[in-house]
Amino acid sequence: MQEGEATMASLAEVRVEEAEPMENESQARPEELRLLEALLFASNEPLDTATLAKRMPDGVDVKAALEQLQADYALRGVNLVRVANKWTFRTAGDLAWLMTRESTETRRLSRAAIEVLAIIAYHQPVTRAEIEEIRGVVTSKGTLDVLLETGWIKPRGRRKTPGRPLTFGTTEDFLSQFTLEQLGDLPGLEELKGTGLLDSRLPTGFSVPTPSDDPQLREDEDPLEPGEDLDLALAPAVEPETPEGGNEGGEGGSED
């Protein structure tokens, strides 16, 4: 009986020893982790698993390797994190305070850009021609470019009218910049008058539009074409004439 128990114990030890290599095989090799680390570090944007797998040697379990690399970085100053199902390195959240001394360059918007931004915010979706009709002057491509660069406006779609002009709307970055929870929080008529932004003596029937937060395209809008060249779309086919005796800003002055 004792001899049988010893044999059973020996067999159990053999099975454990045989299982150990299988457990080690599930671990990514150091060289595989180095490759992943280099790919993620060199990329200027997050990478998904499929993209990483194309660059890795055949047979590598990229998902398991990523999870192992993520665990390796868990307690370090830089973490490997998932963002929208993609992987990237980010400064550890508890060290964000170290970044607060970074200097930022402030850029003042021109008066024209502020006017255009306000019109888009209140009248969206709105076309360039509609902006010009409200302002009474030509809106330069440069003004729209500046607002697009800030990330506060974006092309929504195309109006179902001759020429199919672009329609513009604001973005989440716009709400964040101006600390608005929704577009409905934009100041109304009385608030604008109270702050002096509107003359207290307004024409009869004057009203401030109620902006819509609905991101869906309206019935009079078509979606943008994939890969559409927006630079070409923003440039007018023929440079419109400016008011007589002046330029884009109206009589005797510029738009800005």
C-alpha atoms as a PDB file:
ATOM      1  CA  MET A   1       0.000   0.000   0.000  1.00  0.00           C
ATOM      2  CA  GLN A   2       2.834   2.381   0.840  1.00  0.00           C
ATOM      3  CA  GLU A   3       4.609   1.464  -2.396  1.00  0.00           C
ATOM      4  CA  GLY A   4       1.441   2.305  -4.380  1.00  0.00           C
ATOM      5  CA  GLU A   5       1.139   5.682  -2.675  1.00  0.00           C
ATOM      6  CA  ALA A   6       4.763   6.470  -3.503  1.00  0.00           C
ATOM      7  CA  THR A   7       4.159   5.573  -7.137  1.00  0.00           C
ATOM      8  CA  MET A   8       1.071   7.805  -7.254  1.00  0.00           C
ATOM      9  CA  ALA A   9       3.057  10.679  -5.733  1.00  0.00           C
ATOM     10  CA  SER A  10       5.824  10.223  -8.295  1.00  0.00           C
ATOM     11  CA  LEU A  11       3.303  10.293 -11.138  1.00  0.00           C
ATOM     12  CA  ALA A  12       1.761  13.466  -9.722  1.00  0.00           C
ATOM     13  CA  GLU A  13       5.172  15.138  -9.613  1.00  0.00           C
ATOM     14  CA  VAL A  14       5.813  14.157 -13.226  1.00  0.00           C
ATOM     15  CA  ARG A  15       2.468  15.626 -14.288  1.00  0.00           C
ATOM     16  CA  VAL A  16       3.229  18.876 -12.477  1.00  0.00           C
ATOM     17  CA  GLU A  17       6.637  19.071 -14.148  1.00  0.00           C
ATOM     18  CA  GLU A  18       5.016  18.423 -17.543  1.00  0.00           C
ATOM     19  CA  ALA A  19       2.428  21.132 -16.917  1.00  0.00           C
ATOM     20  CA  GLU A  20       4.990  23.768 -15.999  1.00  0.00           C
ATOM     21  CA  PRO A  21       6.358  24.254 -19.535  1.00  0.00           C
ATOM     22  CA  MET A  22       2.803  24.702 -20.833  1.00  0.00           C
ATOM     23  CA  GLU A  23       2.244  27.449 -18.270  1.00  0.00           C
ATOM     24  CA  ASN A  24       5.459  29.167 -19.340  1.00  0.00           C
ATOM     25  CA  GLU A  25       4.455  28.912 -23.000  1.00  0.00           C
ATOM     26  CA  SER A  26       1.431  31.157 -22.310  1.00  0.00           C
ATOM     27  CA  GLN A  27       3.775  33.922 -21.201  1.00  0.00           C
ATOM     28  CA  ALA A  28       5.086  36.296 -23.863  1.00  0.00           C
ATOM     29  CA  ARG A  29       8.811  36.109 -24.406  1.00  0.00           C
ATOM     30  CA  PRO A  30      10.893  39.152 -23.421  1.00  0.00           C
ATOM     31  CA  GLU A  31      11.739  39.839 -27.073  1.00  0.00           C
ATOM     32  CA  GLU A  32       8.024  39.912 -27.986  1.00  0.00           C
ATOM     33  CA  LEU A  33       7.333  42.392 -25.201  1.00  0.00           C
ATOM     34  CA  ARG A  34      10.224  44.553 -26.405  1.00  0.00           C
ATOM     35  CA  LEU A  35       8.792  44.605 -29.940  1.00  0.00           C
ATOM     36  CA  LEU A  36       5.339  45.624 -28.707  1.00  0.00           C
ATOM     37  CA  GLU A  37       6.835  48.245 -26.427  1.00  0.00           C
ATOM     38  CA  ALA A  38       8.823  49.762 -29.305  1.00  0.00           C
ATOM     39  CA  LEU A  39       5.830  49.829 -31.674  1.00  0.00           C
ATOM     40  CA  LEU A  40       3.576  51.528 -29.130  1.00  0.00           C
ATOM     41  CA  PHE A  41       6.233  53.996 -28.034  1.00  0.00           C
ATOM     42  CA  ALA A  42       7.070  55.054 -31.606  1.00  0.00           C
ATOM     43  CA  SER A  43       3.463  55.546 -32.695  1.00  0.00           C
ATOM     44  CA  ASN A  44       1.955  59.036 -32.438  1.00  0.00           C
ATOM     45  CA  GLU A  45      -1.527  57.560 -32.066  1.00  0.00           C
ATOM     46  CA  PRO A  46      -3.120  54.576 -30.288  1.00  0.00           C
ATOM     47  CA  LEU A  47      -2.849  51.235 -32.130  1.00  0.00           C
ATOM     48  CA  ASP A  48      -5.397  48.426 -32.230  1.00  0.00           C
ATOM     49  CA  THR A  49      -4.575  44.748 -31.782  1.00  0.00           C
ATOM     50  CA  ALA A  50      -4.910  43.947 -35.490  1.00  0.00           C
ATOM     51  CA  THR A  51      -2.415  46.653 -36.480  1.00  0.00           C
ATOM     52  CA  LEU A  52       0.088  45.441 -33.896  1.00  0.00           C
ATOM     53  CA  ALA A  53      -0.362  41.810 -34.976  1.00  0.00           C
ATOM     54  CA  LYS A  54       0.648  42.701 -38.553  1.00  0.00           C
ATOM     55  CA  ARG A  55       4.002  43.998 -37.300  1.00  0.00           C
ATOM     56  CA  MET A  56       4.699  41.140 -34.902  1.00  0.00           C
ATOM     57  CA  PRO A  57       6.227  37.729 -35.772  1.00  0.00           C
ATOM     58  CA  ASP A  58       3.809  34.926 -36.657  1.00  0.00           C
ATOM     59  CA  GLY A  59       2.416  32.926 -33.778  1.00  0.00           C
ATOM     60  CA  VAL A  60       2.578  35.687 -31.178  1.00  0.00           C
ATOM     61  CA  ASP A  61      -0.520  35.986 -28.983  1.00  0.00           C
ATOM     62  CA  VAL A  62      -0.671  39.783 -29.209  1.00  0.00           C
ATOM     63  CA  LYS A  63      -3.648  40.122 -26.883  1.00  0.00           C
ATOM     64  CA  ALA A  64      -1.962  38.116 -24.121  1.00  0.00           C
ATOM     65  CA  ALA A  65       1.316  39.969 -24.659  1.00  0.00           C
ATOM     66  CA  LEU A  66      -0.446  43.335 -24.377  1.00  0.00           C
ATOM     67  CA  GLU A  67      -2.105  42.310 -21.136  1.00  0.00           C
ATOM     68  CA  GLN A  68       1.257  41.163 -19.772  1.00  0.00           C
ATOM     69  CA  LEU A  69       2.922  44.414 -20.850  1.00  0.00           C
ATOM     70  CA  GLN A  70       0.050  46.351 -19.265  1.00  0.00           C
ATOM     71  CA  ALA A  71       0.615  44.506 -15.988  1.00  0.00           C
ATOM     72  CA  ASP A  72       4.361  45.209 -16.170  1.00  0.00           C
ATOM     73  CA  TYR A  73       3.661  48.953 -16.461  1.00  0.00           C
ATOM     74  CA  ALA A  74       0.826  49.075 -13.914  1.00  0.00           C
ATOM     75  CA  LEU A  75       2.913  50.579 -11.098  1.00  0.00           C
ATOM     76  CA  ARG A  76       5.202  52.717 -13.222  1.00  0.00           C
ATOM     77  CA  GLY A  77       5.061  56.419 -14.109  1.00  0.00           C
ATOM     78  CA  VAL A  78       3.829  55.516 -17.583  1.00  0.00           C
ATOM     79  CA  ASN A  79       0.917  53.090 -18.021  1.00  0.00           C
ATOM     80  CA  LEU A  80      -0.221  51.062 -21.001  1.00  0.00           C
ATOM     81  CA  VAL A  81      -3.916  51.848 -21.408  1.00  0.00           C
ATOM     82  CA  ARG A  82      -6.767  51.071 -23.801  1.00  0.00           C
ATOM     83  CA  VAL A  83      -8.479  53.992 -25.490  1.00  0.00           C
ATOM     84  CA  ALA A  84     -11.455  53.201 -27.750  1.00  0.00           C
ATOM     85  CA  ASN A  85     -10.227  49.586 -28.171  1.00  0.00           C
ATOM     86  CA  LYS A  86      -6.722  50.790 -29.031  1.00  0.00           C
ATOM     87  CA  TRP A  87      -3.522  50.700 -26.997  1.00  0.00           C
ATOM     88  CA  THR A  88      -1.206  53.549 -26.061  1.00  0.00           C
ATOM     89  CA  PHE A  89       1.182  54.711 -23.353  1.00  0.00           C
ATOM     90  CA  ARG A  90      -0.065  57.466 -21.046  1.00  0.00           C
ATOM     91  CA  THR A  91       1.284  59.214 -17.968  1.00  0.00           C
ATOM     92  CA  ALA A  92      -0.047  57.520 -14.838  1.00  0.00           C
ATOM     93  CA  GLY A  93      -3.230  59.234 -13.694  1.00  0.00           C
ATOM     94  CA  ASP A  94      -1.942  59.953 -10.191  1.00  0.00           C
ATOM     95  CA  LEU A  95       1.007  61.876 -11.677  1.00  0.00           C
ATOM     96  CA  ALA A  96      -1.083  64.261 -13.771  1.00  0.00           C
ATOM     97  CA  TRP A  97      -0.195  67.092 -11.399  1.00  0.00           C
ATOM     98  CA  LEU A  98       3.380  66.965 -12.725  1.00  0.00           C
ATOM     99  CA  MET A  99       2.133  68.169 -16.104  1.00  0.00           C
ATOM    100  CA  THR A 100       0.352  71.283 -14.816  1.00  0.00           C
ATOM    101  CA  ARG A 101       3.356  73.528 -15.382  1.00  0.00           C
ATOM    102  CA  GLU A 102       3.358  73.030 -19.127  1.00  0.00           C
ATOM    103  CA  SER A 103       3.027  76.390 -20.853  1.00  0.00           C
ATOM    104  CA  THR A 104       0.201  76.940 -23.304  1.00  0.00           C
ATOM    105  CA  GLU A 105       0.119  79.457 -26.087  1.00  0.00           C
ATOM    106  CA  THR A 106      -3.052  81.502 -26.170  1.00  0.00           C
ATOM    107  CA  ARG A 107      -4.356  82.636 -29.502  1.00  0.00           C
ATOM    108  CA  ARG A 108      -6.882  85.423 -29.721  1.00  0.00           C
ATOM    109  CA  LEU A 109      -9.680  85.045 -32.215  1.00  0.00           C
ATOM    110  CA  SER A 110     -10.377  87.896 -34.567  1.00  0.00           C
ATOM    111  CA  ARG A 111     -13.686  89.723 -34.347  1.00  0.00           C
ATOM    112  CA  ALA A 112     -14.738  88.045 -37.584  1.00  0.00           C
ATOM    113  CA  ALA A 113     -13.986  84.584 -36.176  1.00  0.00           C
ATOM    114  CA  ILE A 114     -15.970  85.335 -33.011  1.00  0.00           C
ATOM    115  CA  GLU A 115     -18.940  86.517 -35.079  1.00  0.00           C
ATOM    116  CA  VAL A 116     -18.820  83.427 -37.299  1.00  0.00           C
ATOM    117  CA  LEU A 117     -18.506  81.122 -34.276  1.00  0.00           C
ATOM    118  CA  ALA A 118     -21.526  82.753 -32.622  1.00  0.00           C
ATOM    119  CA  ILE A 119     -23.609  82.412 -35.790  1.00  0.00           C
ATOM    120  CA  ILE A 120     -22.697  78.744 -36.154  1.00  0.00           C
ATOM    121  CA  ALA A 121     -23.468  78.085 -32.479  1.00  0.00           C
ATOM    122  CA  TYR A 122     -26.928  79.632 -32.614  1.00  0.00           C
ATOM    123  CA  HIS A 123     -27.964  78.817 -36.195  1.00  0.00           C
ATOM    124  CA  GLN A 124     -26.423  75.376 -36.770  1.00  0.00           C
ATOM    125  CA  PRO A 125     -26.544  73.608 -39.094  1.00  0.00           C
ATOM    126  CA  VAL A 126     -25.601  76.637 -41.213  1.00  0.00           C
ATOM    127  CA  THR A 127     -23.817  77.094 -44.545  1.00  0.00           C
ATOM    128  CA  ARG A 128     -21.139  79.616 -45.417  1.00  0.00           C
ATOM    129  CA  ALA A 129     -23.608  81.548 -47.583  1.00  0.00           C
ATOM    130  CA  GLU A 130     -26.080  81.708 -44.695  1.00  0.00           C
ATOM    131  CA  ILE A 131     -23.322  82.986 -42.389  1.00  0.00           C
ATOM    132  CA  GLU A 132     -22.513  85.711 -44.918  1.00  0.00           C
ATOM    133  CA  GLU A 133     -26.186  86.635 -45.244  1.00  0.00           C
ATOM    134  CA  ILE A 134     -26.464  87.099 -41.473  1.00  0.00           C
ATOM    135  CA  ARG A 135     -23.198  89.049 -41.177  1.00  0.00           C
ATOM    136  CA  GLY A 136     -23.705  91.064 -44.338  1.00  0.00           C
ATOM    137  CA  VAL A 137     -20.091  90.543 -45.474  1.00  0.00           C
ATOM    138  CA  VAL A 138     -18.029  87.840 -47.133  1.00  0.00           C
ATOM    139  CA  THR A 139     -16.592  85.185 -44.801  1.00  0.00           C
ATOM    140  CA  SER A 140     -13.047  84.258 -45.754  1.00  0.00           C
ATOM    141  CA  LYS A 141     -11.817  80.673 -45.894  1.00  0.00           C
ATOM    142  CA  GLY A 142      -9.109  81.698 -43.418  1.00  0.00           C
ATOM    143  CA  THR A 143     -11.698  82.513 -40.760  1.00  0.00           C
ATOM    144  CA  LEU A 144     -13.331  79.107 -41.131  1.00  0.00           C
ATOM    145  CA  ASP A 145      -9.912  77.423 -41.159  1.00  0.00           C
ATOM    146  CA  VAL A 146      -9.007  79.030 -37.817  1.00  0.00           C
ATOM    147  CA  LEU A 147     -12.236  77.809 -36.225  1.00  0.00           C
ATOM    148  CA  LEU A 148     -11.730  74.328 -37.675  1.00  0.00           C
ATOM    149  CA  GLU A 149      -8.179  74.261 -36.265  1.00  0.00           C
ATOM    150  CA  THR A 150      -9.447  75.085 -32.776  1.00  0.00           C
ATOM    151  CA  GLY A 151     -11.745  72.072 -33.000  1.00  0.00           C
ATOM    152  CA  TRP A 152     -14.762  74.165 -32.021  1.00  0.00           C
ATOM    153  CA  ILE A 153     -16.628  73.725 -35.306  1.00  0.00           C
ATOM    154  CA  LYS A 154     -16.854  70.913 -37.827  1.00  0.00           C
ATOM    155  CA  PRO A 155     -18.491  70.219 -41.197  1.00  0.00           C
ATOM    156  CA  ARG A 156     -21.718  68.303 -40.552  1.00  0.00           C
ATOM    157  CA  GLY A 157     -22.898  67.459 -44.048  1.00  0.00           C
ATOM    158  CA  ARG A 158     -24.105  69.051 -47.264  1.00  0.00           C
ATOM    159  CA  ARG A 159     -27.278  71.053 -47.790  1.00  0.00           C
ATOM    160  CA  LYS A 160     -29.666  69.547 -50.334  1.00  0.00           C
ATOM    161  CA  THR A 161     -29.659  72.676 -52.457  1.00  0.00           C
ATOM    162  CA  PRO A 162     -27.924  73.622 -55.727  1.00  0.00           C
ATOM    163  CA  GLY A 163     -24.166  73.471 -55.232  1.00  0.00           C
ATOM    164  CA  ARG A 164     -24.606  71.234 -52.152  1.00  0.00           C
ATOM    165  CA  PRO A 165     -22.799  73.620 -49.759  1.00  0.00           C
ATOM    166  CA  LEU A 166     -21.224  72.362 -46.540  1.00  0.00           C
ATOM    167  CA  THR A 167     -23.177  72.763 -43.325  1.00  0.00           C
ATOM    168  CA  PHE A 168     -21.309  73.603 -40.119  1.00  0.00           C
ATOM    169  CA  GLY A 169     -21.987  72.891 -36.464  1.00  0.00           C
ATOM    170  CA  THR A 170     -20.165  73.095 -33.135  1.00  0.00           C
ATOM    171  CA  THR A 171     -18.313  70.260 -31.395  1.00  0.00           C
ATOM    172  CA  GLU A 172     -17.968  68.820 -27.896  1.00  0.00           C
ATOM    173  CA  ASP A 173     -14.711  70.779 -27.612  1.00  0.00           C
ATOM    174  CA  PHE A 174     -16.753  73.965 -28.079  1.00  0.00           C
ATOM    175  CA  LEU A 175     -18.991  73.018 -25.151  1.00  0.00           C
ATOM    176  CA  SER A 176     -15.945  72.134 -23.051  1.00  0.00           C
ATOM    177  CA  GLN A 177     -14.118  75.378 -23.893  1.00  0.00           C
ATOM    178  CA  PHE A 178     -17.079  77.548 -22.897  1.00  0.00           C
ATOM    179  CA  THR A 179     -18.125  75.316 -19.967  1.00  0.00           C
ATOM    180  CA  LEU A 180     -21.520  74.503 -21.443  1.00  0.00           C
ATOM    181  CA  GLU A 181     -23.320  71.270 -20.662  1.00  0.00           C
ATOM    182  CA  GLN A 182     -25.441  71.632 -23.788  1.00  0.00           C
ATOM    183  CA  LEU A 183     -26.130  74.175 -26.517  1.00  0.00           C
ATOM    184  CA  GLY A 184     -29.349  75.098 -24.771  1.00  0.00           C
ATOM    185  CA  ASP A 185     -27.185  76.713 -22.076  1.00  0.00           C
ATOM    186  CA  LEU A 186     -26.060  79.444 -24.488  1.00  0.00           C
ATOM    187  CA  PRO A 187     -27.285  82.867 -23.307  1.00  0.00           C
ATOM    188  CA  GLY A 188     -30.716  83.896 -24.533  1.00  0.00           C
ATOM    189  CA  LEU A 189     -32.022  87.287 -25.619  1.00  0.00           C
ATOM    190  CA  GLU A 190     -32.417  88.801 -22.150  1.00  0.00           C
ATOM    191  CA  GLU A 191     -29.023  87.534 -20.981  1.00  0.00           C
ATOM    192  CA  LEU A 192     -27.319  88.972 -24.056  1.00  0.00           C
ATOM    193  CA  LYS A 193     -29.009  92.318 -23.493  1.00  0.00           C
ATOM    194  CA  GLY A 194     -28.104  92.255 -19.805  1.00  0.00           C
ATOM    195  CA  THR A 195     -24.416  91.732 -20.556  1.00  0.00           C
ATOM    196  CA  GLY A 196     -24.392  94.512 -23.123  1.00  0.00           C
ATOM    197  CA  LEU A 197     -23.718  92.198 -26.051  1.00  0.00           C
ATOM    198  CA  LEU A 198     -27.011  93.281 -27.612  1.00  0.00           C
ATOM    199  CA  ASP A 199     -28.470  96.757 -27.797  1.00  0.00           C
ATOM    200  CA  SER A 200     -31.439  97.166 -25.480  1.00  0.00           C
ATOM    201  CA  ARG A 201     -33.284  98.905 -28.331  1.00  0.00           C
ATOM    202  CA  LEU A 202     -33.754  96.076 -30.782  1.00  0.00           C
ATOM    203  CA  PRO A 203     -35.970  96.010 -33.883  1.00  0.00           C
ATOM    204  CA  THR A 204     -39.503  94.750 -33.394  1.00  0.00           C
ATOM    205  CA  GLY A 205     -39.676  90.988 -33.776  1.00  0.00           C
ATOM    206  CA  PHE A 206     -35.955  90.466 -33.155  1.00  0.00           C
ATOM    207  CA  SER A 207     -35.241  87.083 -31.597  1.00  0.00           C
ATOM    208  CA  VAL A 208     -32.309  84.847 -30.721  1.00  0.00           C
ATOM    209  CA  PRO A 209     -32.497  81.342 -32.233  1.00  0.00           C
ATOM    210  CA  THR A 210     -32.757  78.353 -29.928  1.00  0.00           C
ATOM    211  CA  PRO A 211     -29.814  76.101 -30.860  1.00  0.00           C
ATOM    212  CA  SER A 212     -30.333  72.363 -31.278  1.00  0.00           C
ATOM    213  CA  ASP A 213     -28.187  69.682 -29.632  1.00  0.00           C
ATOM    214  CA  ASP A 214     -29.335  66.998 -32.071  1.00  0.00           C
ATOM    215  CA  PRO A 215     -26.201  65.615 -33.805  1.00  0.00           C
ATOM    216  CA  GLN A 216     -28.254  63.820 -36.443  1.00  0.00           C
ATOM    217  CA  LEU A 217     -28.389  65.245 -39.950  1.00  0.00           C
ATOM    218  CA  ARG A 218     -31.608  67.028 -40.807  1.00  0.00           C
ATOM    219  CA  GLU A 219     -33.874  66.232 -43.730  1.00  0.00           C
ATOM    220  CA  ASP A 220     -32.248  68.961 -45.812  1.00  0.00           C
ATOM    221  CA  GLU A 221     -28.715  67.605 -45.214  1.00  0.00           C
ATOM    222  CA  ASP A 222     -26.759  64.842 -46.956  1.00  0.00           C
ATOM    223  CA  PRO A 223     -23.830  63.080 -45.255  1.00  0.00           C
ATOM    224  CA  LEU A 224     -20.271  63.952 -46.255  1.00  0.00           C
ATOM    225  CA  GLU A 225     -18.552  61.666 -48.731  1.00  0.00           C
ATOM    226  CA  PRO A 226     -15.783  59.441 -47.249  1.00  0.00           C
ATOM    227  CA  GLY A 227     -12.362  61.007 -47.818  1.00  0.00           C
ATOM    228  CA  GLU A 228     -13.861  64.241 -49.111  1.00  0.00           C
ATOM    229  CA  ASP A 229     -11.347  67.068 -49.677  1.00  0.00           C
ATOM    230  CA  LEU A 230     -12.668  69.758 -47.330  1.00  0.00           C
ATOM    231  CA  ASP A 231      -9.996  72.268 -48.390  1.00  0.00           C
ATOM    232  CA  LEU A 232     -11.413  72.166 -51.893  1.00  0.00           C
ATOM    233  CA  ALA A 233     -14.957  72.267 -50.555  1.00  0.00           C
ATOM    234  CA  LEU A 234     -14.250  75.371 -48.473  1.00  0.00           C
ATOM    235  CA  ALA A 235     -12.711  77.306 -51.357  1.00  0.00           C
ATOM    236  CA  PRO A 236     -15.312  79.209 -53.414  1.00  0.00           C
ATOM    237  CA  ALA A 237     -15.370  78.449 -57.122  1.00  0.00           C
ATOM    238  CA  VAL A 238     -15.279  82.168 -57.872  1.00  0.00           C
ATOM    239  CA  GLU A 239     -13.925  84.719 -55.430  1.00  0.00           C
ATOM    240  CA  PRO A 240     -16.981  86.793 -54.457  1.00  0.00           C
ATOM    241  CA  GLU A 241     -16.907  90.540 -54.859  1.00  0.00           C
ATOM    242  CA  THR A 242     -16.386  92.608 -51.735  1.00  0.00           C
ATOM    243  CA  PRO A 243     -18.470  95.648 -50.796  1.00  0.00           C
ATOM    244  CA  GLU A 244     -17.669  98.683 -52.869  1.00  0.00           C
ATOM    245  CA  GLY A 245     -14.917 100.865 -51.396  1.00  0.00           C
ATOM    246  CA  GLY A 246     -13.731  98.170 -48.984  1.00  0.00           C
ATOM    247  CA  ASN A 247     -12.975  94.496 -48.606  1.00  0.00           C
ATOM    248  CA  GLU A 248     -14.274  91.483 -46.671  1.00  0.00           C
ATOM    249  CA  GLY A 249     -15.049  93.388 -43.524  1.00  0.00           C
ATOM    250  CA  GLY A 250     -17.412  95.729 -45.251  1.00  0.00           C
ATOM    251  CA  GLU A 251     -17.045  99.303 -46.298  1.00  0.00           C
ATOM    252  CA  GLY A 252     -13.542 100.625 -45.689  1.00  0.00           C
ATOM    253  CA  GLY A 253     -12.466  97.719 -43.483  1.00  0.00           C
ATOM    254  CA  SER A 254     -11.435  94.095 -43.462  1.00  0.00           C
ATOM    255  CA  GLU A 255     -13.390  91.144 -42.148  1.00  0.00           C
ATOM    256  CA  ASP A 256     -11.011  90.832 -39.240  1.00  0.00           C
END
